[in-house]
Protein backbone atom coordinates (compact mmCIF):
# COMPACT_ATOMS: atom_id res chain seq x y z
CA UNK A 1 196.73 -62.08 -38.05
CA UNK A 2 195.91 -65.70 -37.41
CA UNK A 3 198.16 -68.17 -39.22
CA UNK A 4 196.48 -70.55 -41.62
CA UNK A 5 197.91 -74.04 -42.06
CA UNK A 6 196.89 -76.87 -44.31
CA UNK A 7 195.56 -79.77 -42.25
CA UNK A 8 194.84 -83.23 -43.52
CA UNK A 9 191.03 -83.77 -43.13
CA UNK A 10 191.62 -87.31 -41.93
CA UNK A 11 193.99 -86.04 -39.25
CA UNK A 12 191.51 -83.33 -38.26
CA UNK A 13 188.68 -85.88 -37.93
CA UNK A 14 190.92 -88.23 -35.95
CA UNK A 15 191.95 -85.38 -33.69
CA UNK A 16 188.31 -84.43 -33.13
CA UNK A 17 187.38 -88.00 -32.25
CA UNK A 18 190.31 -88.28 -29.85
CA UNK A 19 189.47 -84.94 -28.23
CA UNK A 20 185.84 -86.00 -27.83
CA UNK A 21 186.93 -89.31 -26.32
CA UNK A 22 189.25 -87.49 -23.89
CA UNK A 23 186.48 -85.09 -22.82
CA UNK A 24 184.01 -87.93 -22.32
CA UNK A 25 186.55 -89.77 -20.18
CA UNK A 26 187.34 -86.64 -18.22
CA UNK A 27 183.71 -86.12 -17.18
CA UNK A 28 182.81 -89.81 -16.92
CA UNK A 29 181.42 -90.72 -13.49
CA UNK A 30 182.75 -94.22 -13.95
CA UNK A 31 186.25 -92.83 -14.52
CA UNK A 32 185.97 -90.63 -11.43
CA UNK A 33 184.95 -93.61 -9.30
CA UNK A 34 187.77 -95.66 -10.82
CA UNK A 35 190.27 -92.90 -10.01
CA UNK A 36 189.18 -92.98 -6.37
CA UNK A 37 189.71 -96.73 -6.27
CA UNK A 38 193.11 -96.37 -7.89
CA UNK A 39 193.97 -93.60 -5.42
CA UNK A 40 193.14 -95.97 -2.56
CA UNK A 41 195.43 -98.62 -4.10
CA UNK A 42 198.25 -96.07 -4.39
CA UNK A 43 197.65 -94.96 -0.79
CA UNK A 44 197.79 -98.55 0.40
CA UNK A 45 201.02 -99.24 -1.46
CA UNK A 46 202.58 -95.93 -0.47
CA UNK A 47 201.43 -96.27 3.13
CA UNK A 48 203.07 -99.67 3.47
CA UNK A 49 206.34 -98.42 1.94
CA UNK A 50 206.50 -95.28 4.09
CA UNK A 51 205.56 -97.17 7.25
CA UNK A 52 208.47 -99.54 6.67
CA UNK A 53 210.67 -96.55 5.86
CA UNK A 54 209.78 -94.69 9.06
CA UNK A 55 210.31 -97.82 11.15
CA UNK A 56 213.72 -98.33 9.53
CA UNK A 57 214.71 -94.69 10.15
CA UNK A 58 213.56 -94.81 13.76
CA UNK A 59 215.49 -98.00 14.38
CA UNK A 60 218.58 -96.56 12.69
CA UNK A 61 218.54 -93.41 14.82
CA UNK A 62 218.07 -95.50 17.98
CA UNK A 63 221.08 -97.66 17.05
CA UNK A 64 223.21 -94.58 16.42
CA UNK A 65 222.31 -92.86 19.67
CA UNK A 66 222.69 -96.13 21.59
CA UNK A 67 226.20 -96.53 20.18
CA UNK A 68 227.15 -92.95 21.07
CA UNK A 69 225.82 -93.15 24.65
CA UNK A 70 226.91 -96.67 25.56
CA UNK A 71 230.48 -95.76 26.39
CA UNK A 72 232.95 -92.90 26.34
CA UNK A 73 234.82 -91.74 23.22
CA UNK A 74 237.71 -94.20 23.44
CA UNK A 75 240.19 -94.35 20.52
CA UNK A 76 238.80 -97.73 19.46
CA UNK A 77 235.20 -96.47 19.42
CA UNK A 78 236.18 -93.28 17.60
CA UNK A 79 238.00 -95.34 15.00
CA UNK A 80 234.97 -97.59 14.60
CA UNK A 81 232.64 -94.56 14.31
CA UNK A 82 234.61 -92.82 11.57
CA UNK A 83 235.31 -96.07 9.73
CA UNK A 84 231.58 -96.77 9.66
CA UNK A 85 230.85 -93.26 8.41
CA UNK A 86 233.44 -93.64 5.67
CA UNK A 87 231.94 -96.94 4.53
CA UNK A 88 228.42 -95.46 4.54
CA UNK A 89 229.60 -92.48 2.46
CA UNK A 90 231.19 -94.79 -0.12
CA UNK A 91 228.06 -96.96 -0.37
CA UNK A 92 225.73 -93.96 -0.72
CA UNK A 93 227.98 -92.42 -3.37
CA UNK A 94 227.98 -95.67 -5.36
CA UNK A 95 224.20 -95.93 -5.10
CA UNK A 96 223.77 -92.35 -6.30
CA UNK A 97 226.04 -93.03 -9.27
CA UNK A 98 224.09 -96.18 -10.09
CA UNK A 99 220.75 -94.33 -9.91
CA UNK A 100 221.23 -90.54 -10.27
CA UNK A 101 217.50 -89.85 -9.82
CA UNK A 102 217.85 -90.60 -6.10
CA UNK A 103 220.09 -87.60 -5.43
CA UNK A 104 218.95 -84.88 -3.07
CA UNK A 105 215.46 -84.44 -1.71
CA UNK A 106 213.44 -86.29 -4.34
CA UNK A 107 210.65 -83.72 -4.61
CA UNK A 108 212.07 -81.97 -7.73
CA UNK A 109 212.36 -85.36 -9.42
CA UNK A 110 208.68 -86.03 -8.73
CA UNK A 111 207.82 -82.60 -10.20
CA UNK A 112 209.77 -83.42 -13.34
CA UNK A 113 208.14 -86.87 -13.54
CA UNK A 114 204.65 -85.35 -13.42
CA UNK A 115 205.69 -82.79 -16.05
CA UNK A 116 206.79 -85.62 -18.30
CA UNK A 117 210.43 -84.55 -18.34
CA UNK A 118 211.62 -87.59 -16.37
CA UNK A 119 210.76 -91.25 -16.65
CA UNK A 120 212.24 -92.79 -13.52
CA UNK A 121 212.77 -96.54 -13.19
CA UNK A 122 210.40 -96.93 -10.29
CA UNK A 123 211.54 -100.31 -8.82
CA UNK A 124 215.19 -99.26 -8.76
CA UNK A 125 214.53 -95.75 -7.46
CA UNK A 126 212.24 -97.09 -4.74
CA UNK A 127 214.73 -99.63 -3.40
CA UNK A 128 217.82 -97.43 -3.67
CA UNK A 129 216.18 -94.35 -2.13
CA UNK A 130 214.98 -96.50 0.77
CA UNK A 131 218.49 -97.85 1.42
CA UNK A 132 220.13 -94.43 1.03
CA UNK A 133 217.73 -92.88 3.55
CA UNK A 134 218.47 -95.57 6.12
CA UNK A 135 222.23 -95.18 5.69
CA UNK A 136 222.06 -91.38 5.99
CA UNK A 137 220.01 -91.63 9.19
CA UNK A 138 222.28 -94.32 10.60
CA UNK A 139 225.16 -91.92 9.92
CA UNK A 140 223.40 -89.04 11.70
CA UNK A 141 223.06 -86.66 8.75
CA UNK A 142 220.72 -83.73 9.39
CA UNK A 143 218.20 -84.60 6.71
CA UNK A 144 214.44 -85.12 6.82
CA UNK A 145 212.24 -88.01 5.81
CA UNK A 146 209.61 -86.03 3.89
CA UNK A 147 211.46 -85.62 0.56
CA UNK A 148 212.38 -89.30 0.28
CA UNK A 149 208.87 -90.21 1.47
CA UNK A 150 207.32 -88.14 -1.32
CA UNK A 151 209.59 -89.83 -3.88
CA UNK A 152 208.94 -93.31 -2.46
CA UNK A 153 205.19 -92.68 -2.49
CA UNK A 154 205.35 -91.36 -6.05
CA UNK A 155 207.24 -94.44 -7.20
CA UNK A 156 204.65 -96.63 -5.48
CA UNK A 157 202.02 -94.73 -7.48
CA UNK A 158 203.96 -95.29 -10.68
CA UNK A 159 204.24 -98.98 -9.84
CA UNK A 160 200.46 -99.21 -9.43
CA UNK A 161 200.02 -97.38 -12.73
CA UNK A 162 202.35 -99.73 -14.60
CA UNK A 163 200.67 -102.75 -13.02
CA UNK A 164 197.26 -101.51 -14.20
CA UNK A 165 198.65 -100.53 -17.65
CA UNK A 166 197.49 -96.93 -17.38
CA UNK A 167 198.08 -94.26 -19.99
CA UNK A 168 200.58 -91.47 -19.39
CA UNK A 169 198.01 -88.89 -18.28
CA UNK A 170 196.49 -91.18 -15.65
CA UNK A 171 199.96 -92.30 -14.61
CA UNK A 172 200.88 -88.72 -13.78
CA UNK A 173 197.75 -88.47 -11.63
CA UNK A 174 198.69 -91.66 -9.77
CA UNK A 175 202.24 -90.37 -9.27
CA UNK A 176 200.70 -87.25 -7.72
CA UNK A 177 198.53 -89.47 -5.53
CA UNK A 178 201.66 -91.30 -4.44
CA UNK A 179 203.38 -88.04 -3.57
CA UNK A 180 200.41 -87.06 -1.41
CA UNK A 181 200.49 -90.49 0.24
CA UNK A 182 204.20 -90.06 0.98
CA UNK A 183 203.79 -86.67 2.62
CA UNK A 184 200.72 -87.83 4.52
CA UNK A 185 202.43 -90.91 5.90
CA UNK A 186 205.67 -89.06 6.69
CA UNK A 187 203.99 -86.58 9.04
CA UNK A 188 200.63 -88.19 9.88
CA UNK A 189 199.10 -85.26 7.98
CA UNK A 190 196.69 -86.29 5.18
CA UNK A 191 195.38 -82.79 4.42
CA UNK A 192 198.93 -81.47 4.21
CA UNK A 193 199.73 -84.29 1.83
CA UNK A 194 196.79 -83.35 -0.39
CA UNK A 195 197.63 -79.64 -0.48
CA UNK A 196 201.35 -80.22 -0.96
CA UNK A 197 200.77 -82.60 -3.87
CA UNK A 198 198.35 -80.22 -5.58
CA UNK A 199 200.16 -76.97 -4.78
CA UNK A 200 203.76 -78.10 -5.29
CA UNK A 201 203.62 -81.20 -7.52
CA UNK A 202 200.67 -81.23 -9.93
CA UNK A 203 199.84 -77.48 -9.85
CA UNK A 204 196.28 -78.16 -10.98
CA UNK A 205 192.91 -78.39 -9.20
CA UNK A 206 189.93 -80.32 -10.52
CA UNK A 207 187.39 -82.52 -8.79
CA UNK A 208 188.56 -85.97 -10.04
CA UNK A 209 192.18 -85.16 -9.21
CA UNK A 210 191.44 -83.75 -5.75
CA UNK A 211 189.22 -86.69 -4.79
CA UNK A 212 191.70 -89.33 -5.93
CA UNK A 213 194.56 -87.55 -4.14
CA UNK A 214 192.45 -87.29 -0.98
CA UNK A 215 191.67 -91.02 -1.14
CA UNK A 216 195.36 -91.83 -1.49
CA UNK A 217 196.47 -89.55 1.36
CA UNK A 218 193.74 -90.82 3.70
CA UNK A 219 194.55 -94.48 3.01
CA UNK A 220 198.28 -93.90 3.52
CA UNK A 221 197.62 -92.13 6.83
CA UNK A 222 195.33 -94.96 7.94
CA UNK A 223 198.01 -97.57 7.22
CA UNK A 224 200.76 -95.60 8.94
CA UNK A 225 198.72 -94.61 11.99
CA UNK A 226 197.53 -98.19 12.43
CA UNK A 227 201.16 -99.25 12.91
CA UNK A 228 202.78 -96.15 14.42
CA UNK A 229 199.86 -94.62 16.31
CA UNK A 230 197.72 -91.53 15.81
CA UNK A 231 199.45 -89.02 18.10
CA UNK A 232 200.53 -85.74 16.43
CA UNK A 233 204.16 -85.18 15.49
CA UNK A 234 204.42 -82.02 17.61
CA UNK A 235 203.21 -82.52 21.19
CA UNK A 236 202.68 -78.89 22.18
CA UNK A 237 199.60 -78.19 24.28
CA UNK A 238 197.92 -74.96 23.18
CA UNK A 239 195.29 -73.52 25.54
CA UNK A 240 193.74 -71.16 22.98
CA UNK A 241 194.47 -68.46 20.44
CA UNK A 242 196.56 -65.48 21.45
CA UNK A 243 194.56 -62.50 22.73
CA UNK A 244 194.00 -59.97 19.95
CA UNK A 245 195.85 -57.37 22.01
CA UNK A 246 199.03 -59.42 21.53
CA UNK A 247 198.73 -59.77 17.75
CA UNK A 248 201.53 -57.25 17.30
CA UNK A 249 203.84 -60.17 18.08
CA UNK A 250 202.09 -62.20 15.40
CA UNK A 251 202.78 -59.54 12.77
CA UNK A 252 206.38 -59.21 13.91
CA UNK A 253 206.87 -62.99 13.79
CA UNK A 254 205.58 -63.01 10.23
CA UNK A 255 208.25 -60.52 9.18
CA UNK A 256 210.98 -62.37 11.10
CA UNK A 257 210.04 -65.74 9.63
CA UNK A 258 209.83 -64.27 6.12
CA UNK A 259 213.33 -62.84 6.41
CA UNK A 260 214.78 -65.99 8.00
CA UNK A 261 212.98 -68.23 5.49
CA UNK A 262 214.55 -66.25 2.66
CA UNK A 263 217.97 -66.41 4.32
CA UNK A 264 217.49 -70.17 4.79
CA UNK A 265 217.00 -70.59 1.04
CA UNK A 266 219.89 -68.31 0.11
CA UNK A 267 222.30 -70.14 2.40
CA UNK A 268 221.22 -73.62 1.36
CA UNK A 269 221.41 -72.95 -2.37
CA UNK A 270 224.59 -70.87 -2.12
CA UNK A 271 226.45 -73.74 -0.49
CA UNK A 272 225.08 -76.26 -2.98
CA UNK A 273 225.94 -74.20 -6.05
CA UNK A 274 229.11 -72.65 -4.65
CA UNK A 275 231.85 -74.44 -2.72
CA UNK A 276 230.27 -77.88 -2.86
CA UNK A 277 229.71 -77.57 -6.61
CA UNK A 278 233.41 -76.70 -6.95
CA UNK A 279 234.38 -79.80 -4.95
CA UNK A 280 231.97 -81.98 -6.93
CA UNK A 281 233.44 -80.84 -10.24
CA UNK A 282 236.90 -81.96 -9.16
CA UNK A 283 236.28 -85.01 -7.00
CA UNK A 284 232.73 -86.06 -7.86
CA UNK A 285 230.66 -87.65 -5.12
CA UNK A 286 233.63 -87.62 -2.76
CA UNK A 287 232.00 -84.37 -1.60
CA UNK A 288 229.72 -86.60 0.51
CA UNK A 289 232.67 -87.17 2.84
CA UNK A 290 232.23 -83.61 4.10
CA UNK A 291 228.74 -84.44 5.37
CA UNK A 292 229.45 -87.96 6.66
CA UNK A 293 232.75 -87.20 8.42
CA UNK A 294 231.30 -83.91 9.64
CA UNK A 295 228.52 -85.95 11.22
CA UNK A 296 231.14 -87.77 13.27
CA UNK A 297 232.44 -84.47 14.61
CA UNK A 298 228.90 -83.28 15.40
CA UNK A 299 228.24 -86.57 17.22
CA UNK A 300 231.09 -85.81 19.58
CA UNK A 301 230.37 -82.10 20.07
CA UNK A 302 226.58 -81.68 19.82
CA UNK A 303 224.74 -85.00 19.32
CA UNK A 304 221.36 -83.21 19.59
CA UNK A 305 221.93 -81.88 16.06
CA UNK A 306 222.11 -85.32 14.50
CA UNK A 307 219.42 -86.75 12.20
CA UNK A 308 216.19 -84.94 11.39
CA UNK A 309 215.75 -83.23 14.73
CA UNK A 310 213.64 -85.49 16.95
CA UNK A 311 216.09 -85.01 19.85
CA UNK A 312 215.67 -81.23 19.69
CA UNK A 313 211.92 -81.67 19.48
CA UNK A 314 211.94 -83.71 22.70
CA UNK A 315 213.85 -80.90 24.47
CA UNK A 316 211.29 -78.35 23.33
CA UNK A 317 208.34 -80.54 24.32
CA UNK A 318 209.76 -81.12 27.80
CA UNK A 319 210.55 -77.41 28.18
CA UNK A 320 213.05 -77.96 31.00
CA UNK A 321 216.59 -76.60 31.11
CA UNK A 322 216.05 -74.34 28.11
CA UNK A 323 217.61 -70.90 27.88
CA UNK A 324 217.71 -68.28 25.18
CA UNK A 325 221.41 -68.91 24.52
CA UNK A 326 220.94 -72.69 24.30
CA UNK A 327 218.01 -72.43 21.88
CA UNK A 328 219.89 -69.92 19.74
CA UNK A 329 222.93 -72.20 19.57
CA UNK A 330 220.73 -75.15 18.59
CA UNK A 331 219.13 -73.05 15.84
CA UNK A 332 222.45 -71.92 14.39
CA UNK A 333 223.97 -75.39 14.70
CA UNK A 334 220.98 -77.09 13.10
CA UNK A 335 220.96 -74.66 10.21
CA UNK A 336 224.69 -75.01 9.53
CA UNK A 337 224.71 -78.81 9.77
CA UNK A 338 221.61 -79.15 7.60
CA UNK A 339 223.07 -76.75 5.03
CA UNK A 340 226.25 -78.83 4.83
CA UNK A 341 224.37 -82.12 4.47
CA UNK A 342 222.00 -80.70 1.86
CA UNK A 343 224.76 -78.88 0.01
CA UNK A 344 226.71 -82.05 -0.64
CA UNK A 345 223.73 -83.52 -2.48
CA UNK A 346 223.18 -86.27 0.07
CA UNK A 347 219.88 -88.13 -0.51
CA UNK A 348 217.50 -86.71 2.07
CA UNK A 349 214.91 -84.01 2.65
CA UNK A 350 215.05 -80.69 4.46
CA UNK A 351 211.44 -80.19 5.56
CA UNK A 352 211.72 -81.83 8.99
CA UNK A 353 214.86 -79.81 9.83
CA UNK A 354 212.98 -76.74 8.58
CA UNK A 355 210.09 -77.56 10.94
CA UNK A 356 212.57 -77.94 13.80
CA UNK A 357 214.21 -74.61 12.96
CA UNK A 358 210.79 -72.98 12.86
CA UNK A 359 210.01 -74.40 16.31
CA UNK A 360 213.33 -73.03 17.63
CA UNK A 361 212.60 -69.59 16.16
CA UNK A 362 209.16 -69.68 17.75
CA UNK A 363 210.74 -70.61 21.08
CA UNK A 364 213.08 -67.61 20.89
CA UNK A 365 210.13 -65.33 20.11
CA UNK A 366 208.26 -66.89 23.03
CA UNK A 367 211.14 -66.08 25.39
CA UNK A 368 211.02 -62.44 24.30
CA UNK A 369 207.22 -62.13 24.36
CA UNK A 370 206.78 -63.76 27.77
CA UNK A 371 209.94 -62.43 29.38
CA UNK A 372 209.86 -58.83 28.18
CA UNK A 373 206.12 -58.12 27.94
CA UNK A 374 203.03 -59.18 29.84
CA UNK A 375 202.05 -62.08 27.52
CA UNK A 376 200.98 -64.93 29.84
CA UNK A 377 203.26 -67.97 30.03
CA UNK A 378 200.32 -70.21 29.07
CA UNK A 379 200.63 -68.92 25.49
CA UNK A 380 204.32 -69.81 25.16
CA UNK A 381 203.63 -72.88 22.98
CA UNK A 382 201.62 -70.75 20.56
CA UNK A 383 204.79 -69.06 19.45
CA UNK A 384 206.46 -72.41 18.75
CA UNK A 385 203.61 -73.41 16.45
CA UNK A 386 203.61 -70.01 14.73
CA UNK A 387 207.35 -70.33 14.12
CA UNK A 388 206.77 -73.60 12.24
CA UNK A 389 204.06 -72.03 10.06
CA UNK A 390 206.10 -68.91 9.35
CA UNK A 391 209.29 -70.71 8.37
CA UNK A 392 207.44 -73.10 6.09
CA UNK A 393 205.62 -70.25 4.35
CA UNK A 394 208.75 -68.11 4.09
CA UNK A 395 210.92 -70.87 2.67
CA UNK A 396 208.61 -73.15 0.65
CA UNK A 397 206.26 -70.25 -0.22
CA UNK A 398 203.10 -72.30 0.33
CA UNK A 399 201.14 -70.45 3.06
CA UNK A 400 197.96 -72.54 2.84
CA UNK A 401 199.91 -75.77 3.26
CA UNK A 402 201.82 -74.15 6.15
CA UNK A 403 198.60 -73.42 8.07
CA UNK A 404 197.19 -76.90 7.52
CA UNK A 405 200.55 -78.46 8.43
CA UNK A 406 200.53 -76.70 11.81
CA UNK A 407 196.95 -77.79 12.46
CA UNK A 408 197.79 -81.44 11.71
CA UNK A 409 201.19 -81.50 13.43
CA UNK A 410 199.73 -80.18 16.69
CA UNK A 411 196.24 -81.65 16.50
CA UNK A 412 194.55 -78.34 17.43
CA UNK A 413 192.92 -75.47 15.52
CA UNK A 414 193.35 -72.94 18.32
CA UNK A 415 196.20 -71.24 16.47
CA UNK A 416 194.43 -71.16 13.10
CA UNK A 417 193.91 -67.38 12.88
CA UNK A 418 197.38 -66.46 14.13
CA UNK A 419 199.05 -69.12 11.96
CA UNK A 420 197.23 -67.77 8.92
CA UNK A 421 198.42 -64.23 9.65
CA UNK A 422 202.02 -65.32 10.24
CA UNK A 423 202.08 -67.45 7.08
CA UNK A 424 200.70 -64.69 4.86
CA UNK A 425 203.08 -62.06 6.22
CA UNK A 426 206.06 -64.42 5.94
CA UNK A 427 205.03 -65.25 2.38
CA UNK A 428 204.78 -61.58 1.37
CA UNK A 429 208.01 -60.65 3.16
CA UNK A 430 210.04 -63.40 1.49
CA UNK A 431 208.62 -62.48 -1.92
CA UNK A 432 209.47 -58.82 -1.40
CA UNK A 433 213.07 -59.85 -0.74
CA UNK A 434 213.05 -61.49 -4.21
CA UNK A 435 214.42 -64.79 -2.95
CA UNK A 436 213.39 -67.90 -4.86
CA UNK A 437 211.07 -70.48 -3.22
CA UNK A 438 212.99 -73.51 -2.05
CA UNK A 439 211.56 -76.33 -4.16
CA UNK A 440 211.02 -74.14 -7.24
CA UNK A 441 214.73 -73.38 -7.31
CA UNK A 442 215.60 -77.07 -7.09
CA UNK A 443 213.12 -77.85 -9.87
CA UNK A 444 214.42 -75.19 -12.24
CA UNK A 445 217.99 -76.37 -11.67
CA UNK A 446 217.00 -79.96 -12.39
CA UNK A 447 215.03 -79.07 -15.53
CA UNK A 448 217.92 -77.01 -16.87
CA UNK A 449 220.17 -80.10 -16.64
CA UNK A 450 217.75 -82.47 -18.38
CA UNK A 451 217.95 -83.05 -22.15
CA UNK A 452 215.79 -80.73 -24.18
CA UNK A 453 212.72 -82.16 -25.94
CA UNK A 454 213.47 -83.65 -29.35
CA UNK A 455 213.51 -81.09 -32.13
CA UNK A 456 213.50 -78.10 -29.78
CA UNK A 457 216.61 -75.95 -29.71
CA UNK A 458 217.48 -73.33 -27.12
CA UNK A 459 220.61 -71.92 -25.60
CA UNK A 460 221.71 -72.98 -22.14
CA UNK A 461 220.03 -71.17 -19.25
CA UNK A 462 222.87 -70.03 -17.01
CA UNK A 463 223.03 -68.26 -13.67
CA UNK A 464 219.97 -67.67 -11.51
CA UNK A 465 216.75 -68.95 -13.06
CA UNK A 466 213.08 -67.98 -12.89
CA UNK A 467 209.90 -69.67 -14.09
CA UNK A 468 207.31 -67.77 -16.13
CA UNK A 469 204.01 -68.82 -17.65
CA UNK A 470 202.51 -67.22 -20.77
CA UNK A 471 199.21 -67.86 -22.49
CA UNK A 472 199.07 -68.14 -26.28
CA UNK A 473 196.88 -65.24 -27.36
CA UNK A 474 194.25 -65.59 -30.08
CA UNK A 475 195.86 -64.37 -33.31
CA UNK A 476 199.30 -64.12 -31.72
CA UNK A 477 202.52 -64.66 -33.65
CA UNK A 478 203.02 -68.13 -32.17
CA UNK A 479 199.48 -69.47 -32.55
CA UNK A 480 199.42 -72.40 -34.95
CA UNK A 481 203.19 -72.59 -35.21
CA UNK A 482 205.36 -75.55 -34.32
CA UNK A 483 207.72 -75.09 -31.38
CA UNK A 484 210.73 -75.43 -33.67
CA UNK A 485 209.44 -72.61 -35.91
CA UNK A 486 209.35 -69.95 -33.18
CA UNK A 487 212.42 -67.72 -32.68
CA UNK A 488 212.61 -68.10 -28.91
CA UNK A 489 214.59 -65.52 -26.92
CA UNK A 490 218.17 -66.24 -25.90
CA UNK A 491 218.66 -68.24 -22.66
CA UNK A 492 215.06 -69.48 -22.62
CA UNK A 493 213.90 -73.08 -22.23
CA UNK A 494 210.32 -74.19 -22.90
CA UNK A 495 209.34 -76.73 -20.23
CA UNK A 496 205.69 -77.77 -20.58
CA UNK A 497 202.45 -76.82 -22.30
CA UNK A 498 199.18 -77.02 -20.36
CA UNK A 499 196.24 -77.44 -22.76
CA UNK A 500 192.77 -77.64 -21.20
CA UNK A 501 194.11 -79.50 -18.18
CA UNK A 502 196.35 -81.79 -20.23
CA UNK A 503 200.08 -81.41 -19.67
CA UNK A 504 202.16 -81.78 -22.85
CA UNK A 505 205.94 -82.20 -23.03
CA UNK A 506 206.81 -80.15 -26.12
CA UNK A 507 208.99 -81.34 -28.97
CA UNK A 508 209.95 -79.60 -32.21
CA UNK A 509 206.76 -80.49 -34.15
CA UNK A 510 204.39 -79.66 -31.26
CA UNK A 511 201.93 -77.04 -32.50
CA UNK A 512 200.98 -74.16 -30.21
CA UNK A 513 197.26 -73.43 -29.92
CA UNK A 514 195.34 -70.45 -28.60
CA UNK A 515 194.96 -70.40 -24.78
CA UNK A 516 197.82 -72.87 -24.25
CA UNK A 517 199.62 -72.16 -20.96
CA UNK A 518 203.35 -72.38 -21.71
CA UNK A 519 205.91 -72.68 -18.91
CA UNK A 520 209.44 -71.33 -19.44
CA UNK A 521 212.73 -71.29 -17.58
CA UNK A 522 214.75 -68.15 -18.25
CA UNK A 523 217.89 -66.42 -17.06
CA UNK A 524 217.01 -64.11 -14.17
CA UNK A 525 219.58 -61.53 -15.31
CA UNK A 526 217.83 -61.24 -18.69
CA UNK A 527 214.31 -61.51 -17.28
CA UNK A 528 213.01 -58.06 -18.27
CA UNK A 529 214.23 -58.21 -21.87
CA UNK A 530 213.07 -61.80 -22.27
CA UNK A 531 209.61 -60.94 -20.94
CA UNK A 532 209.22 -58.12 -23.46
CA UNK A 533 210.10 -60.47 -26.31
CA UNK A 534 207.73 -63.18 -25.07
CA UNK A 535 204.89 -60.69 -24.63
CA UNK A 536 205.34 -59.69 -28.24
CA UNK A 537 205.24 -63.33 -29.35
CA UNK A 538 202.26 -64.35 -27.20
CA UNK A 539 200.13 -61.19 -27.40
CA UNK A 540 196.78 -61.52 -29.19
CA UNK A 541 194.94 -59.36 -31.72
CA UNK A 542 194.00 -56.50 -29.40
CA UNK A 543 196.14 -54.34 -27.16
CA UNK A 544 194.07 -55.52 -24.19
CA UNK A 545 194.75 -59.14 -25.12
CA UNK A 546 198.43 -58.44 -25.57
CA UNK A 547 198.73 -56.64 -22.24
CA UNK A 548 196.56 -59.28 -20.61
CA UNK A 549 198.82 -62.11 -21.61
CA UNK A 550 198.84 -63.84 -18.27
CA UNK A 551 202.40 -63.86 -17.07
CA UNK A 552 201.54 -66.03 -14.13
CA UNK A 553 205.01 -65.09 -13.04
CA UNK A 554 206.41 -67.21 -10.31
CA UNK A 555 209.76 -66.27 -8.83
CA UNK A 556 211.62 -69.54 -8.49
């Protein structure tokens, strides 16, 4: 039965007025136009920051490779190399200690910021993340620019919001716009930036939000392309879509990429939470020495593996001197080096290395398809593009973004049908293996470490974690109750409440209302029992309502 609570009439009237004001603002044409203008401002600010960032990274990689190729490995030069790497590791460690929100990729921090669980100091994060990215690239670490670019763009959006004195809800929208601007400018891919921000960051679709995010991504891409040019990131000429008779290879590639994408996630997270976590517990950020000094060894043995992967990309684009064994060794080496750099918690992304690994997998599949069967050589580059789409979908678990990313990275839509098929099959395959999506795992780990909302008590969520969403049923046991009054299951943490498009960070007195979408983190080992308890709490008056409580379950 529905719970009845005494409500102060004045509070009820005030709440009604505020709700009416919020609805009027939500549907206001003037507000929608203003949001587009603000999105353009965020895109301009983010585009300028990311353009400077990409120029700095490019210059840093050129300096590193120039130093390595200018002379032989004499004792003096080796000493200078490793001394420089040691100094860079110490500086980056100090910067991370000074501003912990700059650790790792940066994308989970943006997620938490939009959720309202983090309130990053945007000027400090922006400057420190910029410097850390340059130092990591100058040191040759196998990290990408997309994660830091998303964070830098988001902080530019927050800066615009604070300058314009926006409320929290609009600030979260502008942070999302900044994230889209960062991804757009990082890869010259505005549509990918839009989809990534909506699918991975804000997790909400409505017309004002989509339009403002599009304006931000387009402006950021315009700024970046004006300075750096408009050529696509991947220069692979594709003559047309694969003949339908050869689509068996497409299906097979989907399965392969799904399996390898899942293995990619397992390896990355196992290293981060296993041996490197053990080192970090004992010696703190000295664990970074493994990545930085390891980079010196890689520079002497296989310099192609350094940095994000542009050197490997040039080899693939030229297509000369490649063999199956060489490509396989580059794939294994890139994966291992990236896993080590990421596992230490070094401040950098993994998406560009993931794109490179996808291209290498596609190249291997192309060798087999062209060399063993009668697939014409003119379609060889198709497999490279399909490898990128499949690995992105299998790891990140965002197949729509994967298809659009391939279209924008290559500048052609000839592979659209095949890329869609590969992405969907890779997505399904990775989910069937029950391996968590890459960024969802990072987000759940970050949220579990953050302080709980005031007044809300729960036990620590340990071990593997999953995210679940439940809807408050009409007449359910939790409807009308404060968060602190509900006997939540063991090892369960309430993260956010989505109420009619408004995201609420819950505290003890927060009252649950019918049709609220409530996001939880829970222990994966106790998932079944916890779900039964939550279904009992959230189920409505009827059996159909109780069984229809939308689990919206998302394996993290």
